Amino acid sequence: MPYKKFVISDRVTLIQETGVANFMRCNIWHVKGRDFDLVIDTGMGLDPLKQWITQHRAKPIKAIVTHCHFDHSGCLHEFDVRMGHPLEADILANPTNARVVYDGVWTKIGIVDLTQHPDYSAETYSIKAAALTDYIDEGDVIDLGDRAYQVLHLPGHSPGSIGLWDIKDKTLFSGDALYDGELLDSLYHSNITDYLQTLERIESLDVDVFHAGHFPSFNAKRMQTLINNYRNGVNRLGDIELWFNGNKDRMTNIFADQNWKGAAK
């Protein structure tokens, strides 16, 4: 089975791409709406995603990419409506492995389980071009008919990183602006000054639950700990290869499913 799903609520489902290293596996969020559904991020694209979703629910879908990196945009091309920030539109329309950060160490450390994906090759992997059909930016509102999300521009990890904030439900889909792991601010288009400003902004939001781009969801107390640790320099992922080699002792089964428990308010 190429994907697994975890029902978080009556409206929100987490989709996980199987056979991808759990520290690299992107959280794909399926949000049900009255008028249409949202798919937030689309994984590496190792198997078709849209077909897998629509066999379970026949509803118009709009796909949103929180940022352009390969682990979030691999299946974006499958969707008719593709939404993202204009600062990363050209990368998505004209992707190269370097532009979507599939280069260097990511091609060396075995992030895909070849027993599940025998056709995968680090030498030939690439994502397909996916020109955005709609630009979304700070202050835009995405109205599903029975719930609405405010678009937040959250640069730092990448210049066009965005989040989706449900003000009424006090929930934030934060992409890679903040997740429960070491934060990555050393990519070619990362900006630490922007990142610090983004984290300060996230602190100011009225949010109870964070659904992030990686790892399990978390609450406001954990959010504060993660941000404080980043500021203190203990929650930053600098040299990726050094980090990987230094953590091999806790990666004996890197393709295992994550123990999904959701987020307590």
C-alpha atoms as a PDB file:
ATOM      1  CA  MET A   1       0.000   0.000   0.000  1.00  0.00           C
ATOM      2  CA  PRO A   2       1.657   3.282  -1.081  1.00  0.00           C
ATOM      3  CA  TYR A   3      -0.087   5.424   1.536  1.00  0.00           C
ATOM      4  CA  LYS A   4      -1.581   5.072   4.992  1.00  0.00           C
ATOM      5  CA  LYS A   5      -4.135   7.353   6.569  1.00  0.00           C
ATOM      6  CA  PHE A   6      -4.789   8.400  10.142  1.00  0.00           C
ATOM      7  CA  VAL A   7      -8.133  10.032  10.964  1.00  0.00           C
ATOM      8  CA  ILE A   8      -7.352  13.023  13.177  1.00  0.00           C
ATOM      9  CA  SER A   9     -10.899  14.407  13.302  1.00  0.00           C
ATOM     10  CA  ASP A  10     -14.111  14.277  11.296  1.00  0.00           C
ATOM     11  CA  ARG A  11     -12.573  16.807   8.908  1.00  0.00           C
ATOM     12  CA  VAL A  12      -8.805  16.250   8.993  1.00  0.00           C
ATOM     13  CA  THR A  13      -6.953  13.135   7.850  1.00  0.00           C
ATOM     14  CA  LEU A  14      -3.197  12.613   7.841  1.00  0.00           C
ATOM     15  CA  ILE A  15      -1.835  10.714   4.842  1.00  0.00           C
ATOM     16  CA  GLN A  16       1.625   9.194   5.125  1.00  0.00           C
ATOM     17  CA  GLU A  17       3.728   8.030   2.212  1.00  0.00           C
ATOM     18  CA  THR A  18       5.015   4.548   3.019  1.00  0.00           C
ATOM     19  CA  GLY A  19       8.583   3.476   2.361  1.00  0.00           C
ATOM     20  CA  VAL A  20      10.047   6.923   3.050  1.00  0.00           C
ATOM     21  CA  ALA A  21      12.405   7.500   5.971  1.00  0.00           C
ATOM     22  CA  ASN A  22      10.365   8.700   8.922  1.00  0.00           C
ATOM     23  CA  PHE A  23      12.601  11.724   9.530  1.00  0.00           C
ATOM     24  CA  MET A  24      12.047  12.760   5.908  1.00  0.00           C
ATOM     25  CA  ARG A  25       8.440  11.687   5.381  1.00  0.00           C
ATOM     26  CA  CYS A  26       6.185  14.643   4.672  1.00  0.00           C
ATOM     27  CA  ASN A  27       2.803  14.899   6.361  1.00  0.00           C
ATOM     28  CA  ILE A  28       0.131  15.083   3.666  1.00  0.00           C
ATOM     29  CA  TRP A  29      -3.020  16.674   5.090  1.00  0.00           C
ATOM     30  CA  HIS A  30      -6.472  16.007   3.625  1.00  0.00           C
ATOM     31  CA  VAL A  31      -9.022  18.532   4.872  1.00  0.00           C
ATOM     32  CA  LYS A  32     -12.669  17.893   4.052  1.00  0.00           C
ATOM     33  CA  GLY A  33     -14.868  20.833   3.099  1.00  0.00           C
ATOM     34  CA  ARG A  34     -18.473  21.393   2.046  1.00  0.00           C
ATOM     35  CA  ASP A  35     -17.648  22.817  -1.373  1.00  0.00           C
ATOM     36  CA  PHE A  36     -14.246  21.211  -1.963  1.00  0.00           C
ATOM     37  CA  ASP A  37     -11.420  19.478  -0.136  1.00  0.00           C
ATOM     38  CA  LEU A  38      -7.870  20.635   0.454  1.00  0.00           C
ATOM     39  CA  VAL A  39      -4.750  18.553   0.130  1.00  0.00           C
ATOM     40  CA  ILE A  40      -1.881  20.290   1.900  1.00  0.00           C
ATOM     41  CA  ASP A  41       1.478  19.070   0.537  1.00  0.00           C
ATOM     42  CA  THR A  42       1.887  16.027  -1.682  1.00  0.00           C
ATOM     43  CA  GLY A  43       4.922  13.951  -0.652  1.00  0.00           C
ATOM     44  CA  MET A  44       7.800  12.732  -2.823  1.00  0.00           C
ATOM     45  CA  GLY A  45       5.607  11.452  -5.633  1.00  0.00           C
ATOM     46  CA  LEU A  46       6.770   7.843  -5.504  1.00  0.00           C
ATOM     47  CA  ASP A  47       3.195   6.680  -6.196  1.00  0.00           C
ATOM     48  CA  PRO A  48       0.085   8.482  -7.513  1.00  0.00           C
ATOM     49  CA  LEU A  49      -1.646  10.387  -4.730  1.00  0.00           C
ATOM     50  CA  LYS A  50      -4.760  11.934  -6.272  1.00  0.00           C
ATOM     51  CA  GLN A  51      -6.079   8.576  -7.474  1.00  0.00           C
ATOM     52  CA  TRP A  52      -5.542   7.071  -4.022  1.00  0.00           C
ATOM     53  CA  ILE A  53      -7.495   9.906  -2.366  1.00  0.00           C
ATOM     54  CA  THR A  54     -10.390  10.013  -4.828  1.00  0.00           C
ATOM     55  CA  GLN A  55     -11.083   6.295  -4.521  1.00  0.00           C
ATOM     56  CA  HIS A  56     -12.077   7.013  -0.929  1.00  0.00           C
ATOM     57  CA  ARG A  57     -13.898  10.338  -1.439  1.00  0.00           C
ATOM     58  CA  ALA A  58     -15.318  11.863  -4.605  1.00  0.00           C
ATOM     59  CA  LYS A  59     -15.013  15.597  -3.982  1.00  0.00           C
ATOM     60  CA  PRO A  60     -13.306  18.427  -5.897  1.00  0.00           C
ATOM     61  CA  ILE A  61      -9.777  18.912  -4.563  1.00  0.00           C
ATOM     62  CA  LYS A  62      -7.517  21.929  -4.404  1.00  0.00           C
ATOM     63  CA  ALA A  63      -3.878  21.139  -3.684  1.00  0.00           C
ATOM     64  CA  ILE A  64      -1.741  23.536  -1.680  1.00  0.00           C
ATOM     65  CA  VAL A  65       2.011  23.274  -1.387  1.00  0.00           C
ATOM     66  CA  THR A  66       3.461  24.896   1.739  1.00  0.00           C
ATOM     67  CA  HIS A  67       6.815  25.188  -0.031  1.00  0.00           C
ATOM     68  CA  CYS A  68       8.608  23.854  -3.086  1.00  0.00           C
ATOM     69  CA  HIS A  69      10.931  21.187  -1.642  1.00  0.00           C
ATOM     70  CA  PHE A  70      10.869  17.740  -3.214  1.00  0.00           C
ATOM     71  CA  ASP A  71       9.422  15.939  -0.201  1.00  0.00           C
ATOM     72  CA  HIS A  72       6.361  18.227  -0.268  1.00  0.00           C
ATOM     73  CA  SER A  73       5.726  18.757  -3.992  1.00  0.00           C
ATOM     74  CA  GLY A  74       6.239  15.370  -5.666  1.00  0.00           C
ATOM     75  CA  CYS A  75       2.579  14.774  -6.593  1.00  0.00           C
ATOM     76  CA  LEU A  76       1.529  18.391  -7.035  1.00  0.00           C
ATOM     77  CA  HIS A  77       1.389  17.991 -10.830  1.00  0.00           C
ATOM     78  CA  GLU A  78      -1.478  15.486 -10.513  1.00  0.00           C
ATOM     79  CA  PHE A  79      -3.989  18.073  -9.313  1.00  0.00           C
ATOM     80  CA  ASP A  80      -5.935  20.460 -11.531  1.00  0.00           C
ATOM     81  CA  VAL A  81      -5.858  23.251  -8.949  1.00  0.00           C
ATOM     82  CA  ARG A  82      -2.360  23.900  -7.605  1.00  0.00           C
ATOM     83  CA  MET A  83      -1.889  26.693  -5.095  1.00  0.00           C
ATOM     84  CA  GLY A  84       1.295  28.106  -3.607  1.00  0.00           C
ATOM     85  CA  HIS A  85       3.304  31.238  -2.923  1.00  0.00           C
ATOM     86  CA  PRO A  86       4.466  33.276  -5.947  1.00  0.00           C
ATOM     87  CA  LEU A  87       8.057  33.417  -4.661  1.00  0.00           C
ATOM     88  CA  GLU A  88       8.402  29.699  -5.393  1.00  0.00           C
ATOM     89  CA  ALA A  89       6.229  29.507  -8.507  1.00  0.00           C
ATOM     90  CA  ASP A  90       9.148  29.414 -10.934  1.00  0.00           C
ATOM     91  CA  ILE A  91      10.843  26.605  -9.023  1.00  0.00           C
ATOM     92  CA  LEU A  92       7.682  24.495  -9.189  1.00  0.00           C
ATOM     93  CA  ALA A  93       7.159  25.254 -12.880  1.00  0.00           C
ATOM     94  CA  ASN A  94      10.799  24.599 -13.750  1.00  0.00           C
ATOM     95  CA  PRO A  95      12.135  22.215 -11.119  1.00  0.00           C
ATOM     96  CA  THR A  96      15.646  20.862 -11.015  1.00  0.00           C
ATOM     97  CA  ASN A  97      16.900  18.596  -8.271  1.00  0.00           C
ATOM     98  CA  ALA A  98      19.079  21.380  -6.906  1.00  0.00           C
ATOM     99  CA  ARG A  99      16.219  23.895  -6.859  1.00  0.00           C
ATOM    100  CA  VAL A 100      13.905  21.541  -4.944  1.00  0.00           C
ATOM    101  CA  VAL A 101      16.870  20.582  -2.675  1.00  0.00           C
ATOM    102  CA  TYR A 102      17.102  16.975  -3.788  1.00  0.00           C
ATOM    103  CA  ASP A 103      20.864  16.998  -4.053  1.00  0.00           C
ATOM    104  CA  GLY A 104      23.960  16.410  -1.980  1.00  0.00           C
ATOM    105  CA  VAL A 105      23.379  14.331   1.120  1.00  0.00           C
ATOM    106  CA  TRP A 106      19.753  13.473   0.338  1.00  0.00           C
ATOM    107  CA  THR A 107      20.949  11.354  -2.583  1.00  0.00           C
ATOM    108  CA  LYS A 108      23.410   9.451  -0.365  1.00  0.00           C
ATOM    109  CA  ILE A 109      21.685   8.453   2.856  1.00  0.00           C
ATOM    110  CA  GLY A 110      18.974   6.112   1.646  1.00  0.00           C
ATOM    111  CA  ILE A 111      15.711   7.911   2.387  1.00  0.00           C
ATOM    112  CA  VAL A 112      13.581   5.455   0.359  1.00  0.00           C
ATOM    113  CA  ASP A 113      12.992   1.776   1.169  1.00  0.00           C
ATOM    114  CA  LEU A 114      13.878  -0.112  -2.008  1.00  0.00           C
ATOM    115  CA  THR A 115      11.895  -3.157  -0.896  1.00  0.00           C
ATOM    116  CA  GLN A 116       8.751  -1.034  -1.131  1.00  0.00           C
ATOM    117  CA  HIS A 117       9.856   1.132  -4.051  1.00  0.00           C
ATOM    118  CA  PRO A 118      12.113  -1.060  -6.227  1.00  0.00           C
ATOM    119  CA  ASP A 119      11.912   1.353  -9.164  1.00  0.00           C
ATOM    120  CA  TYR A 120      13.311   4.253  -7.134  1.00  0.00           C
ATOM    121  CA  SER A 121      16.852   5.361  -7.878  1.00  0.00           C
ATOM    122  CA  ALA A 122      18.641   8.280  -6.241  1.00  0.00           C
ATOM    123  CA  GLU A 123      20.423   8.907  -9.531  1.00  0.00           C
ATOM    124  CA  THR A 124      17.254   9.255 -11.609  1.00  0.00           C
ATOM    125  CA  TYR A 125      14.669  10.585  -9.146  1.00  0.00           C
ATOM    126  CA  SER A 126      13.118  13.949  -9.970  1.00  0.00           C
ATOM    127  CA  ILE A 127       9.782  15.663  -9.562  1.00  0.00           C
ATOM    128  CA  LYS A 128       7.567  16.724 -12.438  1.00  0.00           C
ATOM    129  CA  ALA A 129       6.891  20.343 -13.317  1.00  0.00           C
ATOM    130  CA  ALA A 130       3.766  21.672 -11.611  1.00  0.00           C
ATOM    131  CA  ALA A 131       3.011  25.247 -12.591  1.00  0.00           C
ATOM    132  CA  LEU A 132       0.797  26.906 -10.022  1.00  0.00           C
ATOM    133  CA  THR A 133      -2.739  27.671 -11.166  1.00  0.00           C
ATOM    134  CA  ASP A 134      -3.360  30.081  -8.272  1.00  0.00           C
ATOM    135  CA  TYR A 135      -1.023  32.222  -6.203  1.00  0.00           C
ATOM    136  CA  ILE A 136      -1.735  32.546  -2.502  1.00  0.00           C
ATOM    137  CA  ASP A 137      -0.074  35.010  -0.174  1.00  0.00           C
ATOM    138  CA  GLU A 138      -0.336  36.731   3.183  1.00  0.00           C
ATOM    139  CA  GLY A 139      -3.915  37.657   4.090  1.00  0.00           C
ATOM    140  CA  ASP A 140      -5.654  35.517   1.484  1.00  0.00           C
ATOM    141  CA  VAL A 141      -8.545  33.405   2.750  1.00  0.00           C
ATOM    142  CA  ILE A 142      -9.370  29.924   1.467  1.00  0.00           C
ATOM    143  CA  ASP A 143     -13.058  29.280   2.120  1.00  0.00           C
ATOM    144  CA  LEU A 144     -14.201  25.663   1.898  1.00  0.00           C
ATOM    145  CA  GLY A 145     -17.831  26.648   2.472  1.00  0.00           C
ATOM    146  CA  ASP A 146     -18.022  25.435   6.043  1.00  0.00           C
ATOM    147  CA  ARG A 147     -14.591  26.491   7.285  1.00  0.00           C
ATOM    148  CA  ALA A 148     -11.974  29.006   6.231  1.00  0.00           C
ATOM    149  CA  TYR A 149      -8.206  29.267   6.421  1.00  0.00           C
ATOM    150  CA  GLN A 150      -6.135  32.417   6.485  1.00  0.00           C
ATOM    151  CA  VAL A 151      -2.909  32.205   4.515  1.00  0.00           C
ATOM    152  CA  LEU A 152       0.226  33.234   6.409  1.00  0.00           C
ATOM    153  CA  HIS A 153       3.541  33.934   4.712  1.00  0.00           C
ATOM    154  CA  LEU A 154       6.140  32.236   6.940  1.00  0.00           C
ATOM    155  CA  PRO A 155       9.561  32.630   5.259  1.00  0.00           C
ATOM    156  CA  GLY A 156      12.864  31.377   6.617  1.00  0.00           C
ATOM    157  CA  HIS A 157      13.019  27.683   5.817  1.00  0.00           C
ATOM    158  CA  SER A 158      12.343  28.780   2.253  1.00  0.00           C
ATOM    159  CA  PRO A 159      11.342  32.180   0.842  1.00  0.00           C
ATOM    160  CA  GLY A 160       7.781  31.185  -0.064  1.00  0.00           C
ATOM    161  CA  SER A 161       6.879  29.011   2.906  1.00  0.00           C
ATOM    162  CA  ILE A 162       3.251  29.433   3.947  1.00  0.00           C
ATOM    163  CA  GLY A 163       0.929  28.281   6.710  1.00  0.00           C
ATOM    164  CA  LEU A 164      -2.855  27.903   6.899  1.00  0.00           C
ATOM    165  CA  TRP A 165      -4.528  29.203  10.053  1.00  0.00           C
ATOM    166  CA  ASP A 166      -8.030  28.206  11.096  1.00  0.00           C
ATOM    167  CA  ILE A 167      -8.737  31.097  13.450  1.00  0.00           C
ATOM    168  CA  LYS A 168     -12.037  29.679  14.683  1.00  0.00           C
ATOM    169  CA  ASP A 169     -10.651  26.217  15.404  1.00  0.00           C
ATOM    170  CA  LYS A 170      -7.266  27.563  16.611  1.00  0.00           C
ATOM    171  CA  THR A 171      -5.355  25.208  14.333  1.00  0.00           C
ATOM    172  CA  LEU A 172      -2.301  25.973  12.194  1.00  0.00           C
ATOM    173  CA  PHE A 173      -0.972  23.887   9.330  1.00  0.00           C
ATOM    174  CA  SER A 174       2.599  25.115   9.659  1.00  0.00           C
ATOM    175  CA  GLY A 175       4.476  23.267   6.906  1.00  0.00           C
ATOM    176  CA  ASP A 176       8.203  23.303   7.624  1.00  0.00           C
ATOM    177  CA  ALA A 177       8.123  26.689   9.338  1.00  0.00           C
ATOM    178  CA  LEU A 178       7.761  24.722  12.577  1.00  0.00           C
ATOM    179  CA  TYR A 179       7.630  20.994  13.283  1.00  0.00           C
ATOM    180  CA  ASP A 180       8.560  18.806  16.246  1.00  0.00           C
ATOM    181  CA  GLY A 181      12.169  18.147  15.245  1.00  0.00           C
ATOM    182  CA  GLU A 182      15.415  19.892  14.421  1.00  0.00           C
ATOM    183  CA  LEU A 183      14.622  22.877  12.187  1.00  0.00           C
ATOM    184  CA  LEU A 184      16.426  23.221   8.879  1.00  0.00           C
ATOM    185  CA  ASP A 185      17.715  26.717   8.121  1.00  0.00           C
ATOM    186  CA  SER A 186      20.865  25.962   6.093  1.00  0.00           C
ATOM    187  CA  LEU A 187      19.432  25.368   2.615  1.00  0.00           C
ATOM    188  CA  TYR A 188      20.482  27.479  -0.349  1.00  0.00           C
ATOM    189  CA  HIS A 189      17.481  29.801  -0.029  1.00  0.00           C
ATOM    190  CA  SER A 190      16.956  29.665   3.727  1.00  0.00           C
ATOM    191  CA  ASN A 191      17.256  32.880   5.720  1.00  0.00           C
ATOM    192  CA  ILE A 192      17.847  32.772   9.469  1.00  0.00           C
ATOM    193  CA  THR A 193      16.753  36.376  10.038  1.00  0.00           C
ATOM    194  CA  ASP A 194      13.446  35.660   8.316  1.00  0.00           C
ATOM    195  CA  TYR A 195      13.145  32.403  10.237  1.00  0.00           C
ATOM    196  CA  LEU A 196      13.490  34.133  13.592  1.00  0.00           C
ATOM    197  CA  GLN A 197      10.846  36.672  12.618  1.00  0.00           C
ATOM    198  CA  THR A 198       8.528  33.873  11.485  1.00  0.00           C
ATOM    199  CA  LEU A 199       8.936  32.017  14.770  1.00  0.00           C
ATOM    200  CA  GLU A 200       8.232  35.200  16.696  1.00  0.00           C
ATOM    201  CA  ARG A 201       5.067  35.619  14.681  1.00  0.00           C
ATOM    202  CA  ILE A 202       3.977  32.026  15.299  1.00  0.00           C
ATOM    203  CA  GLU A 203       4.402  32.637  19.023  1.00  0.00           C
ATOM    204  CA  SER A 204       1.915  35.497  18.799  1.00  0.00           C
ATOM    205  CA  LEU A 205      -0.853  33.476  17.150  1.00  0.00           C
ATOM    206  CA  ASP A 206      -3.827  32.090  19.032  1.00  0.00           C
ATOM    207  CA  VAL A 207      -3.221  28.424  18.174  1.00  0.00           C
ATOM    208  CA  ASP A 208      -3.961  25.321  20.221  1.00  0.00           C
ATOM    209  CA  VAL A 209      -2.891  22.621  17.748  1.00  0.00           C
ATOM    210  CA  PHE A 210      -0.105  22.632  15.164  1.00  0.00           C
ATOM    211  CA  HIS A 211      -0.306  20.226  12.222  1.00  0.00           C
ATOM    212  CA  ALA A 212       3.212  20.421  10.801  1.00  0.00           C
ATOM    213  CA  GLY A 213       5.037  19.309   7.683  1.00  0.00           C
ATOM    214  CA  HIS A 214       6.798  16.460   9.500  1.00  0.00           C
ATOM    215  CA  PHE A 215       6.415  14.414  12.679  1.00  0.00           C
ATOM    216  CA  PRO A 216       3.372  14.316  15.007  1.00  0.00           C
ATOM    217  CA  SER A 217       1.192  17.322  15.762  1.00  0.00           C
ATOM    218  CA  PHE A 218       1.781  19.292  18.953  1.00  0.00           C
ATOM    219  CA  ASN A 219       0.219  21.842  21.256  1.00  0.00           C
ATOM    220  CA  ALA A 220       1.074  25.433  22.207  1.00  0.00           C
ATOM    221  CA  LYS A 221       3.280  24.426  25.125  1.00  0.00           C
ATOM    222  CA  ARG A 222       5.408  22.239  22.868  1.00  0.00           C
ATOM    223  CA  MET A 223       5.498  25.043  20.286  1.00  0.00           C
ATOM    224  CA  GLN A 224       7.093  27.353  22.820  1.00  0.00           C
ATOM    225  CA  THR A 225       9.683  24.744  23.784  1.00  0.00           C
ATOM    226  CA  LEU A 226      10.627  24.123  20.155  1.00  0.00           C
ATOM    227  CA  ILE A 227      11.045  27.827  19.434  1.00  0.00           C
ATOM    228  CA  ASN A 228      13.017  28.487  22.609  1.00  0.00           C
ATOM    229  CA  ASN A 229      15.321  25.578  21.809  1.00  0.00           C
ATOM    230  CA  TYR A 230      15.886  26.895  18.297  1.00  0.00           C
ATOM    231  CA  ARG A 231      16.804  30.319  19.636  1.00  0.00           C
ATOM    232  CA  ASN A 232      19.239  28.665  22.033  1.00  0.00           C
ATOM    233  CA  GLY A 233      20.865  26.767  19.173  1.00  0.00           C
ATOM    234  CA  VAL A 234      19.883  23.264  20.264  1.00  0.00           C
ATOM    235  CA  ASN A 235      17.094  22.632  17.780  1.00  0.00           C
ATOM    236  CA  ARG A 236      18.854  23.457  14.506  1.00  0.00           C
ATOM    237  CA  LEU A 237      19.742  20.998  11.778  1.00  0.00           C
ATOM    238  CA  GLY A 238      22.983  22.368  10.361  1.00  0.00           C
ATOM    239  CA  ASP A 239      25.178  19.889   8.485  1.00  0.00           C
ATOM    240  CA  ILE A 240      22.691  17.222   7.435  1.00  0.00           C
ATOM    241  CA  GLU A 241      25.269  14.492   6.804  1.00  0.00           C
ATOM    242  CA  LEU A 242      26.881  15.026  10.208  1.00  0.00           C
ATOM    243  CA  TRP A 243      23.447  14.943  11.826  1.00  0.00           C
ATOM    244  CA  PHE A 244      22.544  11.711  10.055  1.00  0.00           C
ATOM    245  CA  ASN A 245      25.807   9.969  10.885  1.00  0.00           C
ATOM    246  CA  GLY A 246      25.563  11.122  14.488  1.00  0.00           C
ATOM    247  CA  ASN A 247      22.062   9.719  14.887  1.00  0.00           C
ATOM    248  CA  LYS A 248      22.436   6.330  13.244  1.00  0.00           C
ATOM    249  CA  ASP A 249      22.130   4.601  16.598  1.00  0.00           C
ATOM    250  CA  ARG A 250      18.485   5.710  16.828  1.00  0.00           C
ATOM    251  CA  MET A 251      17.725   4.964  13.192  1.00  0.00           C
ATOM    252  CA  THR A 252      17.757   1.187  13.218  1.00  0.00           C
ATOM    253  CA  ASN A 253      14.345   1.135  11.569  1.00  0.00           C
ATOM    254  CA  ILE A 254      14.040   4.439   9.765  1.00  0.00           C
ATOM    255  CA  PHE A 255      11.164   3.248   7.570  1.00  0.00           C
ATOM    256  CA  ALA A 256       8.914   2.248  10.464  1.00  0.00           C
ATOM    257  CA  ASP A 257       5.547   3.977  10.762  1.00  0.00           C
ATOM    258  CA  GLN A 258       5.457   6.842  13.185  1.00  0.00           C
ATOM    259  CA  ASN A 259       3.466   6.323  16.357  1.00  0.00           C
ATOM    260  CA  TRP A 260       0.723   8.820  15.663  1.00  0.00           C
ATOM    261  CA  LYS A 261      -1.002  10.126  18.769  1.00  0.00           C
ATOM    262  CA  GLY A 262      -2.281  13.495  17.572  1.00  0.00           C
ATOM    263  CA  ALA A 263      -1.939  16.614  19.697  1.00  0.00           C
ATOM    264  CA  ALA A 264      -3.453  17.309  23.079  1.00  0.00           C
ATOM    265  CA  LYS A 265      -4.719  20.827  23.655  1.00  0.00           C
END
